[in-house]
Amino acid sequence: QVQLVESGGGLVQPGGSLRLSCAASGSIASIDAMAWYRQAPGKQRELVAAITSGGSTNVADSVKGRFTISRDNAWTWNTVYLQMNSLKPEDTAVYYCNSDSLSSGLGFHWGQGTQVTVSS
């Protein structure tokens, strides 16, 4: 199994920045890709950004140019980051880290989530 622990959420003013971290442990060699999702009150969980084992990234249109996903190590999965700049009130949500180990038969794993609140 894979364990994921998010950190870095908090309260920030509009226009501010935050960096979320997701620390992976356990069967990290099984991971093919990792992603950040978010869920705002009353809304469905949505994909924010993803990164593959090859380093390819994908970012949702709603955050393109403001958010960046990265990883600390090109050779193994240790920590994945989500750098969030120019934050808007509509970015307020619980942000979840996700890992994909489907090809290894371990399925998806989720972190516990971290709250991001953008408000003046």
C-alpha atoms as a PDB file:
ATOM      1  CA  GLN A   1       0.000   0.000   0.000  1.00  0.00           C
ATOM      2  CA  VAL A   2       0.897   3.655  -0.343  1.00  0.00           C
ATOM      3  CA  GLN A   3       0.541   6.240   2.408  1.00  0.00           C
ATOM      4  CA  LEU A   4       0.163   9.895   1.515  1.00  0.00           C
ATOM      5  CA  VAL A   5       0.411  12.818   3.931  1.00  0.00           C
ATOM      6  CA  GLU A   6      -0.401  16.356   2.809  1.00  0.00           C
ATOM      7  CA  SER A   7       0.767  19.555   4.460  1.00  0.00           C
ATOM      8  CA  GLY A   8       1.012  23.259   3.749  1.00  0.00           C
ATOM      9  CA  GLY A   9      -2.601  24.358   3.688  1.00  0.00           C
ATOM     10  CA  GLY A  10      -3.894  27.403   5.504  1.00  0.00           C
ATOM     11  CA  LEU A  11      -5.503  30.797   5.222  1.00  0.00           C
ATOM     12  CA  VAL A  12      -4.148  33.206   2.638  1.00  0.00           C
ATOM     13  CA  GLN A  13      -5.325  36.511   1.204  1.00  0.00           C
ATOM     14  CA  PRO A  14      -6.374  36.809  -2.440  1.00  0.00           C
ATOM     15  CA  GLY A  15      -3.311  37.185  -4.625  1.00  0.00           C
ATOM     16  CA  GLY A  16      -1.153  35.290  -2.167  1.00  0.00           C
ATOM     17  CA  SER A  17       0.750  32.031  -2.520  1.00  0.00           C
ATOM     18  CA  LEU A  18       0.910  28.665  -0.807  1.00  0.00           C
ATOM     19  CA  ARG A  19       2.921  25.520  -1.417  1.00  0.00           C
ATOM     20  CA  LEU A  20       1.329  22.191  -0.634  1.00  0.00           C
ATOM     21  CA  SER A  21       3.446  19.097  -0.018  1.00  0.00           C
ATOM     22  CA  CYS A  22       2.512  15.444  -0.292  1.00  0.00           C
ATOM     23  CA  ALA A  23       4.883  12.943   1.273  1.00  0.00           C
ATOM     24  CA  ALA A  24       4.595   9.398  -0.053  1.00  0.00           C
ATOM     25  CA  SER A  25       5.687   6.247   1.766  1.00  0.00           C
ATOM     26  CA  GLY A  26       5.147   2.511   1.585  1.00  0.00           C
ATOM     27  CA  SER A  27       5.079   0.876  -1.851  1.00  0.00           C
ATOM     28  CA  ILE A  28       6.259   3.992  -3.676  1.00  0.00           C
ATOM     29  CA  ALA A  29       7.910   1.927  -6.405  1.00  0.00           C
ATOM     30  CA  SER A  30       4.400   0.965  -7.525  1.00  0.00           C
ATOM     31  CA  ILE A  31       3.389   4.560  -8.282  1.00  0.00           C
ATOM     32  CA  ASP A  32       2.931   5.544 -11.926  1.00  0.00           C
ATOM     33  CA  ALA A  33       1.592   9.043 -11.377  1.00  0.00           C
ATOM     34  CA  MET A  34       0.534  11.425  -8.632  1.00  0.00           C
ATOM     35  CA  ALA A  35      -1.988  14.203  -8.634  1.00  0.00           C
ATOM     36  CA  TRP A  36      -3.660  16.918  -6.630  1.00  0.00           C
ATOM     37  CA  TYR A  37      -7.434  17.111  -6.454  1.00  0.00           C
ATOM     38  CA  ARG A  38      -9.642  19.591  -4.662  1.00  0.00           C
ATOM     39  CA  GLN A  39     -13.168  19.631  -3.365  1.00  0.00           C
ATOM     40  CA  ALA A  40     -15.053  22.777  -2.465  1.00  0.00           C
ATOM     41  CA  PRO A  41     -18.194  22.684  -0.294  1.00  0.00           C
ATOM     42  CA  GLY A  42     -21.158  21.412  -2.287  1.00  0.00           C
ATOM     43  CA  LYS A  43     -19.040  20.582  -5.326  1.00  0.00           C
ATOM     44  CA  GLN A  44     -17.550  17.444  -6.804  1.00  0.00           C
ATOM     45  CA  ARG A  45     -13.899  16.608  -6.357  1.00  0.00           C
ATOM     46  CA  GLU A  46     -11.918  17.858  -9.344  1.00  0.00           C
ATOM     47  CA  LEU A  47      -8.458  17.259 -10.743  1.00  0.00           C
ATOM     48  CA  VAL A  48      -6.110  20.197 -10.253  1.00  0.00           C
ATOM     49  CA  ALA A  49      -2.772  18.894 -11.529  1.00  0.00           C
ATOM     50  CA  ALA A  50      -0.972  15.632 -12.211  1.00  0.00           C
ATOM     51  CA  ILE A  51       2.577  14.433 -12.811  1.00  0.00           C
ATOM     52  CA  THR A  52       3.733  11.126 -14.270  1.00  0.00           C
ATOM     53  CA  SER A  53       6.765   9.019 -13.488  1.00  0.00           C
ATOM     54  CA  GLY A  54       8.314  10.393 -16.661  1.00  0.00           C
ATOM     55  CA  GLY A  55       7.866  13.938 -15.428  1.00  0.00           C
ATOM     56  CA  SER A  56       5.016  14.964 -17.709  1.00  0.00           C
ATOM     57  CA  THR A  57       2.583  17.358 -16.081  1.00  0.00           C
ATOM     58  CA  ASN A  58      -1.016  18.363 -16.650  1.00  0.00           C
ATOM     59  CA  VAL A  59      -2.786  21.302 -15.048  1.00  0.00           C
ATOM     60  CA  ALA A  60      -6.487  22.135 -15.072  1.00  0.00           C
ATOM     61  CA  ASP A  61      -7.491  25.096 -17.209  1.00  0.00           C
ATOM     62  CA  SER A  62      -8.914  26.876 -14.161  1.00  0.00           C
ATOM     63  CA  VAL A  63      -5.468  27.074 -12.539  1.00  0.00           C
ATOM     64  CA  LYS A  64      -3.191  27.120 -15.582  1.00  0.00           C
ATOM     65  CA  GLY A  65      -0.508  29.769 -15.281  1.00  0.00           C
ATOM     66  CA  ARG A  66      -1.027  30.019 -11.512  1.00  0.00           C
ATOM     67  CA  PHE A  67      -0.408  26.495 -10.155  1.00  0.00           C
ATOM     68  CA  THR A  68       2.584  24.244 -10.764  1.00  0.00           C
ATOM     69  CA  ILE A  69       3.048  20.598  -9.811  1.00  0.00           C
ATOM     70  CA  SER A  70       6.516  19.197  -9.232  1.00  0.00           C
ATOM     71  CA  ARG A  71       8.390  16.423  -7.457  1.00  0.00           C
ATOM     72  CA  ASP A  72      11.563  16.543  -5.426  1.00  0.00           C
ATOM     73  CA  ASN A  73      13.224  13.537  -7.045  1.00  0.00           C
ATOM     74  CA  ALA A  74      13.188  12.405 -10.685  1.00  0.00           C
ATOM     75  CA  TRP A  75      14.073   8.811  -9.760  1.00  0.00           C
ATOM     76  CA  THR A  76      11.626   7.956  -7.024  1.00  0.00           C
ATOM     77  CA  TRP A  77       8.452   9.208  -5.435  1.00  0.00           C
ATOM     78  CA  ASN A  78       9.193  11.011  -2.185  1.00  0.00           C
ATOM     79  CA  THR A  79       7.404  14.329  -2.134  1.00  0.00           C
ATOM     80  CA  VAL A  80       5.151  16.018  -4.648  1.00  0.00           C
ATOM     81  CA  TYR A  81       4.446  19.735  -4.445  1.00  0.00           C
ATOM     82  CA  LEU A  82       1.706  22.035  -5.608  1.00  0.00           C
ATOM     83  CA  GLN A  83       2.868  25.634  -5.865  1.00  0.00           C
ATOM     84  CA  MET A  84      -0.155  27.900  -5.888  1.00  0.00           C
ATOM     85  CA  ASN A  85       0.273  31.556  -6.860  1.00  0.00           C
ATOM     86  CA  SER A  86      -2.197  34.382  -7.442  1.00  0.00           C
ATOM     87  CA  LEU A  87      -4.755  32.605  -5.320  1.00  0.00           C
ATOM     88  CA  LYS A  88      -8.413  33.477  -5.710  1.00  0.00           C
ATOM     89  CA  PRO A  89     -11.360  32.962  -3.344  1.00  0.00           C
ATOM     90  CA  GLU A  90     -12.658  30.301  -5.724  1.00  0.00           C
ATOM     91  CA  ASP A  91      -9.529  28.239  -5.021  1.00  0.00           C
ATOM     92  CA  THR A  92     -10.857  27.646  -1.509  1.00  0.00           C
ATOM     93  CA  ALA A  93     -11.237  23.902  -1.029  1.00  0.00           C
ATOM     94  CA  VAL A  94      -9.844  20.829   0.630  1.00  0.00           C
ATOM     95  CA  TYR A  95      -6.873  19.691  -1.435  1.00  0.00           C
ATOM     96  CA  TYR A  96      -6.168  15.973  -1.679  1.00  0.00           C
ATOM     97  CA  CYS A  97      -3.078  14.139  -2.845  1.00  0.00           C
ATOM     98  CA  ASN A  98      -3.628  11.054  -4.986  1.00  0.00           C
ATOM     99  CA  SER A  99      -1.368   8.299  -6.259  1.00  0.00           C
ATOM    100  CA  ASP A 100      -1.967   5.863  -9.115  1.00  0.00           C
ATOM    101  CA  SER A 101      -0.626   2.334  -8.733  1.00  0.00           C
ATOM    102  CA  LEU A 102      -3.113   0.649 -11.081  1.00  0.00           C
ATOM    103  CA  SER A 103      -0.481  -1.110 -13.180  1.00  0.00           C
ATOM    104  CA  SER A 104       0.843  -2.776 -10.030  1.00  0.00           C
ATOM    105  CA  GLY A 105      -2.608  -3.839  -8.933  1.00  0.00           C
ATOM    106  CA  LEU A 106      -2.622  -1.589  -5.881  1.00  0.00           C
ATOM    107  CA  GLY A 107      -5.162   0.878  -7.215  1.00  0.00           C
ATOM    108  CA  PHE A 108      -5.471   4.485  -6.119  1.00  0.00           C
ATOM    109  CA  HIS A 109      -4.546   5.969  -2.767  1.00  0.00           C
ATOM    110  CA  TRP A 110      -5.583   9.239  -1.153  1.00  0.00           C
ATOM    111  CA  GLY A 111      -4.237  11.483   1.544  1.00  0.00           C
ATOM    112  CA  GLN A 112      -6.372  12.924   4.307  1.00  0.00           C
ATOM    113  CA  GLY A 113      -6.614  16.343   2.677  1.00  0.00           C
ATOM    114  CA  THR A 114      -5.481  19.819   3.650  1.00  0.00           C
ATOM    115  CA  GLN A 115      -7.703  22.898   3.819  1.00  0.00           C
ATOM    116  CA  VAL A 116      -6.871  25.935   1.703  1.00  0.00           C
ATOM    117  CA  THR A 117      -8.894  29.068   2.390  1.00  0.00           C
ATOM    118  CA  VAL A 118      -8.455  32.196   0.290  1.00  0.00           C
ATOM    119  CA  SER A 119     -10.111  35.152   1.955  1.00  0.00           C
ATOM    120  CA  SER A 120      -9.442  38.719   2.954  1.00  0.00           C
END
